[in-house]
Amino acid sequence: MITRRQFHLSDILLASRCRQSILVAVRVVLSATSHVQPLSSPLYGKKQIMSLRATGEFEVKLAPQPLVDTTAAPKLGRMTIDKTFSGDLQGTGRGEMLMAGTDVKGSAGYVAIERVNGVLHGRKGSFVLQHTGTMNKGAPTLSVTVVPDSGTDQLSGLAGTLNIIIADGKHRYEFDYSLPGQE
């Protein structure tokens, strides 16, 4: 199934000059406005039908961080993620992103792990989002998925995928999810 996903992380351009090429490549991955093919992998098992949808806005701040292995620069980059969600999901997200670029224009990748704490349609708890983005010679692939069994408290058993839309300078989300007893 092909879905439309738009991503934009203009804060990436604020990173240090030595990481500029990788950050620009990752920005291209994240700001893709074409149809994006979600990742499919046996790791995630069968596709689960999501019965609920949460929508709203979020603000995001990215901060460049030092690399553990500085000999890899400028092809690698690292950033922290700090989000505030509003709408059907009220809360915060905190995480880290790793990026890699190549010498081929339009090819890059990133991964991120983000813990979200808050209230989703009246249910309080936390969960972890796994981000995976790849740009293969300009063709983007992106997935933001709830890590299985990462939900806590009233969000225990949460499964789902998050779609991010950037329009008119605002970050919006569509979160298709399921919870035990909610289907």
Protein backbone atom coordinates (compact mmCIF):
# COMPACT_ATOMS: atom_id res chain seq x y z
CA MET A 1 0.00 0.00 0.00
CA ILE A 2 1.35 3.41 -0.92
CA THR A 3 0.61 6.31 1.39
CA ARG A 4 1.36 10.00 1.07
CA ARG A 5 3.78 11.26 3.68
CA GLN A 6 5.46 14.63 3.93
CA PHE A 7 8.39 15.33 6.18
CA HIS A 8 10.38 18.47 6.89
CA LEU A 9 13.08 19.10 9.46
CA SER A 10 14.51 22.54 8.66
CA ASP A 11 16.34 22.60 11.98
CA ILE A 12 18.77 20.04 10.53
CA LEU A 13 20.40 22.83 8.54
CA LEU A 14 21.54 24.42 11.81
CA ALA A 15 24.00 21.57 12.37
CA SER A 16 27.75 22.00 12.21
CA ARG A 17 29.39 22.63 8.84
CA CYS A 18 31.29 19.32 8.85
CA ARG A 19 27.99 17.42 8.86
CA GLN A 20 26.33 19.64 6.25
CA SER A 21 26.33 17.11 3.38
CA ILE A 22 24.69 14.34 5.41
CA LEU A 23 22.19 16.70 6.99
CA VAL A 24 21.13 18.08 3.64
CA ALA A 25 20.71 14.54 2.31
CA VAL A 26 18.61 13.54 5.33
CA ARG A 27 16.53 16.70 4.95
CA VAL A 28 15.74 15.55 1.42
CA VAL A 29 14.60 12.19 2.83
CA LEU A 30 12.44 13.87 5.42
CA SER A 31 10.94 16.55 3.20
CA ALA A 32 9.89 14.17 0.43
CA THR A 33 6.46 15.14 -0.86
CA SER A 34 5.99 12.24 -3.25
CA HIS A 35 4.25 8.98 -2.48
CA VAL A 36 6.27 7.00 0.02
CA GLN A 37 6.27 3.22 0.25
CA PRO A 38 6.11 2.11 3.91
CA LEU A 39 8.75 -0.38 4.96
CA SER A 40 7.67 -3.99 5.12
CA SER A 41 9.63 -6.57 7.01
CA PRO A 42 9.06 -10.00 8.53
CA LEU A 43 10.26 -8.36 11.77
CA TYR A 44 6.91 -6.60 12.12
CA GLY A 45 4.82 -9.68 11.29
CA LYS A 46 1.36 -9.47 9.73
CA LYS A 47 -0.14 -6.07 9.04
CA GLN A 48 -2.54 -5.17 11.78
CA ILE A 49 -5.71 -3.27 10.89
CA MET A 50 -5.74 -0.05 12.86
CA SER A 51 -9.16 0.85 14.18
CA LEU A 52 -8.53 4.26 15.75
CA ARG A 53 -7.06 7.53 14.48
CA ALA A 54 -5.60 10.38 16.50
CA THR A 55 -4.85 13.71 14.83
CA GLY A 56 -3.30 16.96 15.93
CA GLU A 57 -0.21 19.12 15.73
CA PHE A 58 3.27 18.99 17.21
CA GLU A 59 6.29 21.22 17.60
CA VAL A 60 9.75 19.75 17.15
CA LYS A 61 13.23 20.91 18.08
CA LEU A 62 16.36 19.14 16.87
CA ALA A 63 19.77 19.72 18.44
CA PRO A 64 23.05 18.52 16.89
CA GLN A 65 25.07 16.26 19.20
CA PRO A 66 28.70 15.15 19.09
CA LEU A 67 29.47 11.84 17.44
CA VAL A 68 31.10 9.04 19.40
CA ASP A 69 33.41 8.32 16.43
CA THR A 70 34.49 11.67 14.98
CA THR A 71 36.59 9.98 12.27
CA ALA A 72 33.31 9.15 10.47
CA ALA A 73 32.37 12.84 9.94
CA PRO A 74 30.99 14.33 7.74
CA LYS A 75 29.10 11.24 6.52
CA LEU A 76 27.44 10.61 9.89
CA GLY A 77 25.33 12.84 12.11
CA ARG A 78 23.51 12.65 15.46
CA MET A 79 20.70 14.79 16.91
CA THR A 80 18.33 14.88 19.84
CA ILE A 81 14.57 15.17 19.23
CA ASP A 82 12.28 17.19 21.51
CA LYS A 83 8.54 17.28 20.61
CA THR A 84 5.34 18.65 22.13
CA PHE A 85 2.11 17.03 20.89
CA SER A 86 -1.36 18.62 20.99
CA GLY A 87 -4.75 17.39 19.79
CA ASP A 88 -5.88 13.80 20.34
CA LEU A 89 -2.39 13.02 21.67
CA GLN A 90 -1.29 15.42 24.42
CA GLY A 91 2.27 14.97 25.60
CA THR A 92 5.95 15.08 24.86
CA GLY A 93 8.37 13.05 22.77
CA ARG A 94 12.10 12.77 23.42
CA GLY A 95 14.63 10.77 21.45
CA GLU A 96 17.76 10.51 19.35
CA MET A 97 18.38 10.38 15.61
CA LEU A 98 21.37 8.94 13.73
CA MET A 99 21.96 9.88 10.09
CA ALA A 100 24.23 8.66 7.30
CA GLY A 101 25.00 10.13 3.90
CA THR A 102 26.82 8.80 0.87
CA ASP A 103 28.80 10.23 -2.02
CA VAL A 104 25.80 9.54 -4.29
CA LYS A 105 23.49 12.54 -4.56
CA GLY A 106 20.03 11.75 -3.20
CA SER A 107 21.10 8.73 -1.13
CA ALA A 108 20.97 8.85 2.67
CA GLY A 109 19.31 7.29 5.67
CA TYR A 110 18.29 7.91 9.24
CA VAL A 111 16.98 6.00 12.22
CA ALA A 112 15.51 7.39 15.43
CA ILE A 113 14.00 6.16 18.67
CA GLU A 114 11.54 8.44 20.47
CA ARG A 115 9.74 7.87 23.78
CA VAL A 116 6.33 9.55 23.91
CA ASN A 117 4.73 10.31 27.30
CA GLY A 118 1.19 11.61 27.44
CA VAL A 119 -2.52 11.05 27.03
CA LEU A 120 -3.95 9.45 23.87
CA HIS A 121 -7.73 9.84 23.54
CA GLY A 122 -8.02 9.98 27.34
CA ARG A 123 -5.66 7.07 28.07
CA LYS A 124 -2.46 7.91 29.94
CA GLY A 125 0.90 6.20 29.43
CA SER A 126 3.99 6.08 27.30
CA PHE A 127 5.21 4.26 24.20
CA VAL A 128 8.21 4.21 21.89
CA LEU A 129 8.25 5.22 18.21
CA GLN A 130 10.83 3.78 15.82
CA HIS A 131 11.66 5.97 12.80
CA THR A 132 13.35 4.53 9.71
CA GLY A 133 13.96 6.65 6.62
CA THR A 134 15.92 5.91 3.45
CA MET A 135 16.53 7.90 0.30
CA ASN A 136 17.75 5.73 -2.61
CA LYS A 137 18.91 8.04 -5.41
CA GLY A 138 16.01 10.35 -4.63
CA ALA A 139 13.33 7.71 -3.95
CA PRO A 140 12.15 8.02 -0.31
CA THR A 141 10.94 5.25 1.99
CA LEU A 142 9.81 6.10 5.50
CA SER A 143 8.17 4.38 8.47
CA VAL A 144 7.30 5.62 11.97
CA THR A 145 5.97 2.66 13.97
CA VAL A 146 5.14 1.91 17.59
CA VAL A 147 7.73 -0.51 18.99
CA PRO A 148 5.82 -3.71 19.89
CA ASP A 149 5.04 -4.09 23.60
CA SER A 150 6.46 -0.63 24.44
CA GLY A 151 3.13 0.79 25.68
CA THR A 152 2.79 1.37 29.43
CA ASP A 153 -0.08 1.95 31.87
CA GLN A 154 -3.36 2.59 29.97
CA LEU A 155 -1.47 2.36 26.64
CA SER A 156 -0.29 -1.20 27.24
CA GLY A 157 -0.71 -3.25 24.06
CA LEU A 158 -0.64 -0.17 21.80
CA ALA A 159 0.22 -0.81 18.13
CA GLY A 160 0.24 1.64 15.27
CA THR A 161 1.90 3.88 12.71
CA LEU A 162 2.40 7.65 12.74
CA ASN A 163 2.15 9.81 9.64
CA ILE A 164 3.66 13.31 9.73
CA ILE A 165 2.34 16.07 7.45
CA ILE A 166 3.99 19.46 7.05
CA ALA A 167 1.79 22.17 5.53
CA ASP A 168 1.78 25.95 5.83
CA GLY A 169 4.71 25.79 8.26
CA LYS A 170 2.84 23.55 10.72
CA HIS A 171 3.64 19.99 11.75
CA ARG A 172 0.58 17.72 11.92
CA TYR A 173 0.27 14.03 12.73
CA GLU A 174 -2.14 11.24 11.88
CA PHE A 175 -1.71 8.31 14.23
CA ASP A 176 -3.51 5.12 13.19
CA TYR A 177 -3.48 2.76 16.14
CA SER A 178 -5.18 -0.04 18.02
CA LEU A 179 -5.42 -0.90 21.70
CA PRO A 180 -6.71 -4.08 23.34
CA GLY A 181 -10.43 -3.74 24.00
CA GLN A 182 -10.77 -0.81 21.56
CA GLU A 183 -11.40 -2.72 18.32
